[in-house]
Amino acid sequence: MSNNNTRINALLDREEIRALRLRYSQLLDGGEAEKMGEVFTEDAEVKVTVGSMKGLTEIKQSLKEAYHTFDTKNRAHFPFVHAVTNHDITLIDENNASGSCYLLDFVTDREQSQHPFLLLGHYVDQYVRVNGEWRISRSELDVLWPEESH
């Protein structure tokens, strides 16, 4: 394969990986936890503010429960917007990669007089290609601000 083809394939891989984190935010904020198989491997491990989860079934169930728990005003929507940015992706080989990005988490059901910013986080992920498609195999969220959220 030519050098340009190699570079193009690497760019495509990075973009597919970046899209995983964006899709996760869309599914989470949209209450579609049952579709998390589009993002995670069957044996994925996830550590976030609502706890640690292992395996796709547990991830789906835990995120579904969190969706309902946090909908305190019964508006039938998750009261958060997960915005992700500053992706840094390293391709390890043709089937494995690692990466990170920042999370800006906003609350959408606060009173207008309250600031909507909830936390600043940093995701650190491991990715694997499964049947030709990239998936997150391990993800950990470190809350950078506010400190009391650690």
Protein backbone atom coordinates (compact mmCIF):
# COMPACT_ATOMS: atom_id res chain seq x y z
CA MET A 1 0.00 0.00 0.00
CA SER A 2 1.32 3.42 -0.86
CA ASN A 3 2.30 5.91 1.82
CA ASN A 4 -0.67 8.12 0.89
CA ASN A 5 -3.09 5.20 1.21
CA THR A 6 -1.65 4.37 4.61
CA ARG A 7 -2.08 7.97 5.73
CA ILE A 8 -5.63 8.14 4.37
CA ASN A 9 -6.57 4.89 6.13
CA ALA A 10 -5.13 6.23 9.40
CA LEU A 11 -7.21 9.41 9.03
CA LEU A 12 -10.33 7.36 8.35
CA ASP A 13 -9.63 5.16 11.39
CA ARG A 14 -9.18 8.21 13.62
CA GLU A 15 -12.42 9.75 12.35
CA GLU A 16 -14.35 6.51 12.96
CA ILE A 17 -12.94 6.38 16.49
CA ARG A 18 -13.77 10.04 17.14
CA ALA A 19 -17.34 9.35 15.98
CA LEU A 20 -17.71 6.66 18.67
CA ARG A 21 -17.46 9.19 21.49
CA LEU A 22 -19.86 11.55 19.68
CA ARG A 23 -22.33 8.70 19.16
CA TYR A 24 -22.06 7.74 22.84
CA SER A 25 -23.06 11.29 23.83
CA GLN A 26 -25.98 11.25 21.39
CA LEU A 27 -27.26 7.90 22.65
CA LEU A 28 -26.79 8.81 26.30
CA ASP A 29 -28.45 12.22 26.04
CA GLY A 30 -31.22 10.78 23.87
CA GLY A 31 -32.09 7.95 26.27
CA GLU A 32 -31.08 5.24 23.81
CA ALA A 33 -28.94 3.07 26.08
CA GLU A 34 -30.17 -0.04 24.27
CA LYS A 35 -28.08 1.04 21.25
CA MET A 36 -24.77 1.18 23.14
CA GLY A 37 -23.64 -1.88 21.16
CA GLU A 38 -22.93 0.64 18.38
CA VAL A 39 -20.24 2.09 20.64
CA PHE A 40 -18.91 -0.59 23.03
CA THR A 41 -17.53 -4.12 22.71
CA GLU A 42 -19.44 -6.97 24.34
CA ASP A 43 -16.85 -7.15 27.14
CA ALA A 44 -16.24 -3.41 27.54
CA GLU A 45 -15.31 -1.90 30.90
CA VAL A 46 -16.60 1.58 31.75
CA LYS A 47 -15.91 3.80 34.77
CA VAL A 48 -17.96 7.02 34.94
CA THR A 49 -19.59 9.20 37.61
CA VAL A 50 -22.52 6.78 38.06
CA GLY A 51 -20.20 3.81 38.70
CA SER A 52 -18.21 1.01 37.10
CA MET A 53 -19.74 -1.34 34.55
CA LYS A 54 -18.43 -4.47 32.87
CA GLY A 55 -19.97 -5.96 29.78
CA LEU A 56 -22.43 -4.53 27.30
CA THR A 57 -25.51 -5.82 29.13
CA GLU A 58 -24.50 -4.09 32.38
CA ILE A 59 -23.54 -0.90 30.53
CA LYS A 60 -26.94 -0.72 28.83
CA GLN A 61 -28.84 -1.44 32.06
CA SER A 62 -26.82 0.97 34.22
CA LEU A 63 -27.11 3.84 31.73
CA LYS A 64 -30.82 3.19 31.28
CA GLU A 65 -31.30 3.34 35.06
CA ALA A 66 -29.23 6.54 35.29
CA TYR A 67 -31.39 8.11 32.58
CA HIS A 68 -34.53 7.50 34.65
CA THR A 69 -32.90 8.40 37.97
CA PHE A 70 -31.74 11.80 36.75
CA ASP A 71 -35.05 12.68 35.07
CA THR A 72 -36.26 14.16 38.37
CA LYS A 73 -38.80 16.46 36.71
CA ASN A 74 -40.33 13.61 34.66
CA ARG A 75 -39.70 15.34 31.36
CA ALA A 76 -38.86 12.04 29.64
CA HIS A 77 -35.37 13.22 28.73
CA PHE A 78 -31.91 13.07 30.25
CA PRO A 79 -31.27 16.46 31.89
CA PHE A 80 -27.69 16.67 30.63
CA VAL A 81 -25.82 17.51 27.44
CA HIS A 82 -22.48 15.75 27.07
CA ALA A 83 -20.25 17.79 24.76
CA VAL A 84 -16.90 16.19 23.86
CA THR A 85 -13.87 17.87 22.34
CA ASN A 86 -10.08 17.81 21.87
CA HIS A 87 -9.81 14.18 20.78
CA ASP A 88 -6.31 12.71 20.81
CA ILE A 89 -6.15 9.29 19.14
CA THR A 90 -3.14 6.99 18.80
CA LEU A 91 -3.34 4.05 16.41
CA ILE A 92 -1.40 1.20 18.02
CA ASP A 93 -1.86 -1.26 15.16
CA GLU A 94 -4.54 -2.00 12.58
CA ASN A 95 -6.99 -3.28 15.23
CA ASN A 96 -6.10 -1.39 18.42
CA ALA A 97 -5.98 2.25 19.42
CA SER A 98 -6.02 4.47 22.48
CA GLY A 99 -7.29 7.96 22.96
CA SER A 100 -8.70 10.66 25.13
CA CYS A 101 -11.00 13.66 24.95
CA TYR A 102 -12.52 16.27 27.21
CA LEU A 103 -16.11 16.25 28.45
CA LEU A 104 -18.06 19.45 29.06
CA ASP A 105 -21.18 18.36 30.93
CA PHE A 106 -24.16 20.71 31.10
CA VAL A 107 -27.39 20.43 33.11
CA THR A 108 -30.52 21.29 31.13
CA ASP A 109 -33.17 21.28 33.87
CA ARG A 110 -31.76 23.91 36.23
CA GLU A 111 -33.53 27.17 36.89
CA GLN A 112 -32.47 29.96 34.52
CA SER A 113 -30.76 31.78 37.38
CA GLN A 114 -28.40 28.80 37.88
CA HIS A 115 -25.36 28.18 35.71
CA PRO A 116 -25.82 25.11 33.48
CA PHE A 117 -22.17 23.91 33.66
CA LEU A 118 -21.90 20.75 35.77
CA LEU A 119 -18.39 19.38 35.31
CA LEU A 120 -15.25 19.17 33.22
CA GLY A 121 -14.05 15.64 32.62
CA HIS A 122 -11.37 13.73 30.73
CA TYR A 123 -12.20 10.41 29.06
CA VAL A 124 -9.35 7.93 28.54
CA ASP A 125 -10.33 5.14 26.17
CA GLN A 126 -9.05 1.95 24.57
CA TYR A 127 -10.46 0.96 21.19
CA VAL A 128 -10.53 -2.29 19.26
CA ARG A 129 -11.71 -3.12 15.76
CA VAL A 130 -14.40 -5.82 15.83
CA ASN A 131 -15.64 -7.28 12.54
CA GLY A 132 -14.21 -4.28 10.70
CA GLU A 133 -15.77 -1.64 12.98
CA TRP A 134 -14.14 0.31 15.80
CA ARG A 135 -15.59 -0.02 19.32
CA ILE A 136 -14.64 1.25 22.78
CA SER A 137 -13.29 -1.64 24.88
CA ARG A 138 -12.37 0.37 27.97
CA SER A 139 -13.33 3.85 29.08
CA GLU A 140 -12.61 5.82 32.23
CA LEU A 141 -13.85 9.30 33.08
CA ASP A 142 -11.71 11.46 35.35
CA VAL A 143 -13.61 14.47 36.72
CA LEU A 144 -11.19 17.41 36.59
CA TRP A 145 -13.58 20.05 37.93
CA PRO A 146 -15.15 20.52 40.38
CA GLU A 147 -12.79 18.80 42.79
CA GLU A 148 -15.58 17.64 45.09
CA SER A 149 -16.89 15.42 42.26
CA HIS A 150 -13.86 13.09 42.49
